[in-house]
Amino acid sequence: MILTVTLNTALDLTYTVPALVPHATHRVTDVVERPGGKGVNVARVLAALGHETVVTGFAGGPTGEVLRGLLAPLPVRDALVPSAGATRRTVAVVDSASGDTTQLNEPGPVITPAEWAAFLSVYAELLDGARAVALCGSLPRGVHVGAYAELVRRARAAGVPVLLDTSGEPLRRGIAARPDLVKPNADELAALTGAREPLRATRDARRRGAHAVVASLGAEGLLAVTPDGTWQAAPPARVAGNPTGAGDSAVAGLLSALVEGAPWPERLARATALATATVHARAAGEFDADRYGELLERVSVRELATAA
């Protein structure tokens, strides 16, 4: 079983409009409603790849009820912890003319100390049967900034490989707890290290405590610095579409290949193909399966010189 943790779950709404014009009224041509938050998206992709997956985190209020209702028919196990505060919503507005996406994210509920303690109890139980765990996304209000560092240490104590995908101070503290893998994007990497050059920044991030770092570089693919080598993986061509959730699909690819014991080049090819195929899908947590199969054979993975 693969465990995904989404402390700040969300009900994801994707609106498609012919063209997004500031200060104008828009007619929405398509609406997609999905259970979301980064770890939930990861779980849905893992399930589509055939892996047994459990989602945990918090869900509360009417929005949380809708989210759990949407999760119910999916092949993932719901182990979300109830919260008194309402689950947030996120709105992605897709501009059909340009292909650009505008994202609006609500802040999420305030988690009480009792709710955090209840979550830690559930987390400990779930780690007992997990082959890997992903800690994903932002922290809801009320959860201390070192929460991911605490969850990384608990996973490591249980002997469970742990991937961390967050940003800001939670990433800075979490990486110091020595996760097996972190997956920042270019902006998160620059904020962590102060460096904009991807290879330098990725190497710096690994020196801060992570066993391996895989950086998402958008259309340029993935850059990995690991104990076994350094690789760059790139899709065969740039694609237009909705990039929301592409990074989550990359996490699912990395985790699925990890538990299958695949070597790093295969992990990166899978993650890159999934991320690119997600750009062709209607909403986060989904990917175009046919396009994924085609891309997997065409992703370029090249090894880079190792730093001295």
Protein backbone atom coordinates (compact mmCIF):
# COMPACT_ATOMS: atom_id res chain seq x y z
CA MET A 1 0.00 0.00 0.00
CA ILE A 2 1.16 3.56 -0.78
CA LEU A 3 0.04 6.26 1.66
CA THR A 4 -0.53 9.85 0.57
CA VAL A 5 -0.94 12.65 3.11
CA THR A 6 -2.86 15.82 2.21
CA LEU A 7 -3.22 17.96 5.31
CA ASN A 8 -4.95 20.74 3.32
CA THR A 9 -7.36 18.82 1.09
CA ALA A 10 -9.52 20.71 -1.40
CA LEU A 11 -12.55 20.46 -3.62
CA ASP A 12 -11.07 21.27 -7.03
CA LEU A 13 -13.23 23.15 -9.52
CA THR A 14 -12.01 23.61 -13.09
CA TYR A 15 -13.82 26.19 -15.23
CA THR A 16 -13.14 26.48 -18.95
CA VAL A 17 -13.89 29.79 -20.69
CA PRO A 18 -13.40 30.82 -24.35
CA ALA A 19 -11.02 33.59 -23.27
CA LEU A 20 -10.20 35.01 -19.82
CA VAL A 21 -10.55 38.80 -19.89
CA PRO A 22 -9.96 40.90 -16.73
CA HIS A 23 -12.97 42.92 -15.48
CA ALA A 24 -15.33 41.03 -17.82
CA THR A 25 -18.24 38.62 -17.37
CA HIS A 26 -17.52 35.09 -18.64
CA ARG A 27 -19.66 32.21 -19.79
CA VAL A 28 -18.20 28.94 -18.52
CA THR A 29 -18.27 26.29 -21.24
CA ASP A 30 -17.20 23.35 -19.08
CA VAL A 31 -17.10 22.58 -15.32
CA VAL A 32 -15.16 19.74 -13.70
CA GLU A 33 -15.45 18.99 -9.95
CA ARG A 34 -12.92 16.65 -8.37
CA PRO A 35 -11.57 15.69 -4.91
CA GLY A 36 -8.25 17.48 -4.64
CA GLY A 37 -5.23 18.63 -2.79
CA LYS A 38 -1.82 17.45 -3.98
CA GLY A 39 -1.75 14.11 -2.16
CA VAL A 40 -5.28 13.25 -3.28
CA ASN A 41 -4.25 13.91 -6.88
CA VAL A 42 -1.21 11.68 -6.37
CA ALA A 43 -3.42 8.91 -4.97
CA ARG A 44 -5.81 9.02 -7.91
CA VAL A 45 -2.94 8.67 -10.39
CA LEU A 46 -1.38 5.84 -8.36
CA ALA A 47 -4.72 4.02 -8.33
CA ALA A 48 -5.00 4.43 -12.11
CA LEU A 49 -1.53 2.82 -12.36
CA GLY A 50 -2.83 -0.17 -10.39
CA HIS A 51 -1.38 0.54 -6.94
CA GLU A 52 -3.31 0.11 -3.70
CA THR A 53 -3.51 3.60 -2.25
CA VAL A 54 -4.75 5.22 0.96
CA VAL A 55 -5.41 8.95 1.42
CA THR A 56 -5.27 10.69 4.77
CA GLY A 57 -5.28 14.28 6.02
CA PHE A 58 -8.26 16.39 7.03
CA ALA A 59 -11.77 16.92 5.64
CA GLY A 60 -14.57 18.94 7.19
CA GLY A 61 -17.74 20.91 6.68
CA PRO A 62 -20.07 20.72 3.66
CA THR A 63 -17.16 20.96 1.23
CA GLY A 64 -15.43 18.08 2.98
CA GLU A 65 -18.59 15.99 2.66
CA VAL A 66 -18.70 16.64 -1.08
CA LEU A 67 -15.00 15.74 -1.37
CA ARG A 68 -15.50 12.43 0.48
CA GLY A 69 -18.55 11.69 -1.64
CA LEU A 70 -16.48 12.14 -4.79
CA LEU A 71 -13.73 9.93 -3.33
CA ALA A 72 -16.14 7.10 -2.46
CA PRO A 73 -16.46 5.53 -5.94
CA LEU A 74 -12.73 5.77 -6.65
CA PRO A 75 -10.31 2.86 -6.07
CA VAL A 76 -8.60 4.60 -3.14
CA ARG A 77 -9.17 4.12 0.58
CA ASP A 78 -10.44 7.15 2.47
CA ALA A 79 -8.69 7.55 5.84
CA LEU A 80 -9.29 11.30 6.17
CA VAL A 81 -9.64 12.71 9.69
CA PRO A 82 -12.71 14.91 10.38
CA SER A 83 -12.14 18.60 11.13
CA ALA A 84 -14.60 21.13 12.50
CA GLY A 85 -13.44 23.71 9.94
CA ALA A 86 -14.60 23.44 6.35
CA THR A 87 -12.37 22.02 3.63
CA ARG A 88 -11.24 24.66 1.15
CA ARG A 89 -12.03 24.99 -2.53
CA THR A 90 -9.64 25.69 -5.40
CA VAL A 91 -10.74 27.15 -8.72
CA ALA A 92 -8.75 26.73 -11.93
CA VAL A 93 -9.90 28.89 -14.84
CA VAL A 94 -8.71 27.54 -18.18
CA ASP A 95 -8.49 30.00 -21.08
CA SER A 96 -9.33 28.00 -24.23
CA ALA A 97 -7.85 30.64 -26.54
CA SER A 98 -4.38 30.74 -24.97
CA GLY A 99 -4.30 27.46 -23.06
CA ASP A 100 -3.26 29.35 -19.91
CA THR A 101 -4.68 28.50 -16.48
CA THR A 102 -5.41 30.91 -13.62
CA GLN A 103 -5.54 29.32 -10.16
CA LEU A 104 -7.44 30.60 -7.11
CA ASN A 105 -6.80 28.73 -3.83
CA GLU A 106 -8.75 29.24 -0.60
CA PRO A 107 -6.74 29.06 2.66
CA GLY A 108 -8.38 26.02 4.27
CA PRO A 109 -9.63 25.33 7.82
CA VAL A 110 -8.01 25.96 11.18
CA ILE A 111 -6.92 22.60 12.67
CA THR A 112 -7.17 22.27 16.45
CA PRO A 113 -4.57 20.54 18.66
CA ALA A 114 -7.05 17.71 19.30
CA GLU A 115 -7.57 17.21 15.56
CA TRP A 116 -3.80 17.15 14.98
CA ALA A 117 -3.39 14.54 17.71
CA ALA A 118 -6.14 12.44 16.12
CA PHE A 119 -4.37 12.66 12.76
CA LEU A 120 -1.03 11.56 14.26
CA SER A 121 -2.72 8.47 15.68
CA VAL A 122 -4.20 7.58 12.28
CA TYR A 123 -0.86 8.27 10.57
CA ALA A 124 1.00 5.93 12.90
CA GLU A 125 -1.48 3.12 12.22
CA LEU A 126 -1.29 3.60 8.45
CA LEU A 127 2.52 3.64 8.38
CA ASP A 128 2.45 0.09 9.72
CA GLY A 129 1.23 -1.25 6.37
CA ALA A 130 2.76 1.29 3.98
CA ARG A 131 5.44 0.61 1.37
CA ALA A 132 5.98 4.35 0.82
CA VAL A 133 4.43 7.64 1.94
CA ALA A 134 4.02 10.99 0.17
CA LEU A 135 3.65 14.19 2.21
CA CYS A 136 2.11 16.75 -0.11
CA GLY A 137 0.98 20.34 -0.29
CA SER A 138 0.43 23.28 2.02
CA LEU A 139 -0.24 23.20 5.76
CA PRO A 140 -3.68 24.23 7.00
CA ARG A 141 -3.86 26.94 9.62
CA GLY A 142 -3.29 25.71 13.16
CA VAL A 143 -0.74 23.06 12.13
CA HIS A 144 2.79 23.93 13.26
CA VAL A 145 5.34 24.82 10.59
CA GLY A 146 7.53 21.84 11.49
CA ALA A 147 4.71 19.35 10.92
CA TYR A 148 6.26 17.76 7.83
CA ALA A 149 9.60 17.38 9.59
CA GLU A 150 7.74 15.51 12.34
CA LEU A 151 5.95 13.28 9.82
CA VAL A 152 9.21 12.59 7.96
CA ARG A 153 10.89 11.48 11.19
CA ARG A 154 7.98 9.21 12.08
CA ALA A 155 8.07 7.58 8.63
CA ARG A 156 11.82 7.06 8.84
CA ALA A 157 11.46 5.53 12.32
CA ALA A 158 8.90 3.11 10.86
CA GLY A 159 11.27 2.20 8.01
CA VAL A 160 8.95 3.61 5.34
CA PRO A 161 10.45 5.56 2.39
CA VAL A 162 9.07 9.11 2.43
CA LEU A 163 8.67 11.70 -0.34
CA LEU A 164 8.13 15.37 0.56
CA ASP A 165 6.43 17.79 -1.84
CA THR A 166 5.78 21.17 -0.23
CA SER A 167 7.23 24.69 -0.22
CA GLY A 168 8.50 27.55 1.92
CA GLU A 169 9.40 27.06 5.57
CA PRO A 170 7.66 23.63 5.81
CA LEU A 171 10.00 22.45 3.02
CA ARG A 172 13.05 24.02 4.67
CA ARG A 173 12.33 22.28 7.97
CA GLY A 174 11.11 19.07 6.37
CA ILE A 175 14.22 18.57 4.24
CA ALA A 176 16.39 18.84 7.36
CA ALA A 177 14.59 15.75 8.71
CA ARG A 178 16.22 13.76 5.85
CA PRO A 179 13.36 12.53 3.65
CA ASP A 180 14.21 9.93 1.03
CA LEU A 181 13.08 12.24 -1.77
CA VAL A 182 11.91 15.82 -2.19
CA LYS A 183 10.24 17.13 -5.36
CA PRO A 184 10.25 20.94 -5.53
CA ASN A 185 9.43 22.95 -8.63
CA ALA A 186 11.82 25.61 -9.94
CA ASP A 187 10.33 28.46 -7.87
CA GLU A 188 10.25 26.38 -4.66
CA LEU A 189 13.84 25.31 -5.28
CA ALA A 190 14.99 28.90 -5.78
CA ALA A 191 13.18 30.04 -2.63
CA LEU A 192 14.86 27.23 -0.65
CA THR A 193 18.40 27.67 -1.93
CA GLY A 194 18.60 31.22 -3.28
CA ALA A 195 19.94 29.82 -6.58
CA ARG A 196 18.15 30.04 -9.94
CA GLU A 197 20.48 27.77 -11.90
CA PRO A 198 18.62 24.41 -11.69
CA LEU A 199 21.53 22.01 -11.29
CA ARG A 200 23.29 24.13 -8.70
CA ALA A 201 20.03 24.62 -6.77
CA THR A 202 19.13 20.92 -6.88
CA ARG A 203 22.56 19.91 -5.58
CA ASP A 204 22.30 22.53 -2.84
CA ALA A 205 18.87 21.20 -1.82
CA ARG A 206 20.26 17.68 -1.50
CA ARG A 207 23.08 18.91 0.73
CA ARG A 208 20.43 20.28 3.09
CA GLY A 209 19.38 16.76 4.05
CA ALA A 210 17.37 14.95 1.37
CA HIS A 211 18.60 11.56 0.18
CA ALA A 212 17.59 12.54 -3.38
CA VAL A 213 16.06 15.62 -5.03
CA VAL A 214 13.94 15.64 -8.18
CA ALA A 215 13.17 19.15 -9.42
CA SER A 216 10.21 19.89 -11.71
CA LEU A 217 11.30 22.30 -14.45
CA GLY A 218 7.95 22.69 -16.20
CA ALA A 219 8.16 22.10 -19.94
CA GLU A 220 11.87 21.27 -19.54
CA GLY A 221 11.04 18.09 -17.61
CA LEU A 222 12.77 16.79 -14.46
CA LEU A 223 16.23 17.12 -12.99
CA ALA A 224 17.34 14.48 -10.45
CA VAL A 225 20.33 14.53 -8.10
CA THR A 226 20.60 11.19 -6.33
CA PRO A 227 23.23 9.02 -4.59
CA ASP A 228 23.36 6.93 -7.79
CA GLY A 229 23.89 9.77 -10.25
CA THR A 230 22.43 12.91 -11.80
CA TRP A 231 19.92 12.83 -14.65
CA GLN A 232 17.84 15.17 -16.79
CA ALA A 233 14.55 13.85 -18.22
CA ALA A 234 12.65 15.80 -20.88
CA PRO A 235 9.43 15.22 -22.83
CA PRO A 236 9.76 14.89 -26.63
CA ALA A 237 8.04 18.24 -27.28
CA ARG A 238 6.31 21.12 -25.54
CA VAL A 239 2.57 20.63 -25.10
CA ALA A 240 -0.34 23.01 -24.61
CA GLY A 241 -3.04 22.37 -22.05
CA ASN A 242 -3.86 22.60 -18.35
CA PRO A 243 -0.68 22.05 -16.28
CA THR A 244 -2.59 21.83 -12.97
CA GLY A 245 -1.66 18.56 -11.28
CA ALA A 246 1.28 17.74 -13.56
CA GLY A 247 3.67 17.83 -10.60
CA ASP A 248 1.36 15.54 -8.62
CA SER A 249 1.40 13.04 -11.48
CA ALA A 250 5.20 13.21 -11.48
CA VAL A 251 5.15 12.34 -7.76
CA ALA A 252 2.89 9.36 -8.50
CA GLY A 253 5.29 8.19 -11.18
CA LEU A 254 8.28 8.46 -8.87
CA LEU A 255 6.51 6.63 -6.03
CA SER A 256 5.12 3.84 -8.18
CA ALA A 257 8.52 3.19 -9.72
CA LEU A 258 10.19 3.35 -6.30
CA VAL A 259 8.02 0.61 -4.79
CA GLU A 260 8.52 -1.47 -7.94
CA GLY A 261 12.31 -1.19 -7.53
CA ALA A 262 12.87 0.53 -10.88
CA PRO A 263 16.23 2.24 -11.57
CA TRP A 264 16.39 6.04 -11.60
CA PRO A 265 16.22 6.54 -15.39
CA GLU A 266 13.02 4.49 -15.52
CA ARG A 267 11.55 6.40 -12.55
CA LEU A 268 12.24 9.71 -14.27
CA ALA A 269 10.88 8.59 -17.64
CA ARG A 270 7.65 7.43 -16.00
CA ALA A 271 7.27 10.63 -13.97
CA THR A 272 7.94 12.86 -16.98
CA ALA A 273 5.52 10.95 -19.23
CA LEU A 274 2.79 11.07 -16.59
CA ALA A 275 3.28 14.78 -15.96
CA THR A 276 3.10 15.54 -19.67
CA ALA A 277 0.05 13.31 -20.17
CA THR A 278 -1.66 15.18 -17.32
CA VAL A 279 -1.40 18.45 -19.27
CA HIS A 280 -3.69 16.80 -21.85
CA ALA A 281 -6.31 15.83 -19.24
CA ARG A 282 -9.34 17.82 -18.13
CA ALA A 283 -8.43 18.10 -14.44
CA ALA A 284 -5.73 17.46 -11.84
CA GLY A 285 -5.45 13.85 -10.72
CA GLU A 286 -6.11 12.55 -14.22
CA PHE A 287 -3.91 11.76 -17.21
CA ASP A 288 -4.42 10.78 -20.82
CA ALA A 289 -3.60 7.05 -20.70
CA ASP A 290 -3.04 6.68 -24.45
CA ARG A 291 -0.76 9.70 -24.55
CA TYR A 292 1.12 8.40 -21.49
CA GLY A 293 1.88 5.13 -23.28
CA GLU A 294 3.18 6.99 -26.33
CA LEU A 295 5.26 9.43 -24.32
CA LEU A 296 6.87 6.78 -22.12
CA GLU A 297 8.78 5.45 -25.13
CA ARG A 298 9.86 8.94 -26.25
CA VAL A 299 11.01 10.65 -23.05
CA SER A 300 14.70 11.53 -23.20
CA VAL A 301 16.75 10.68 -20.07
CA ARG A 302 20.42 11.62 -20.07
CA GLU A 303 22.99 11.29 -17.32
CA LEU A 304 24.90 14.41 -16.30
CA ALA A 305 28.39 14.71 -14.91
CA THR A 306 28.55 14.24 -11.16
CA ALA A 307 29.73 17.22 -9.09
CA ALA A 308 33.07 16.86 -7.43
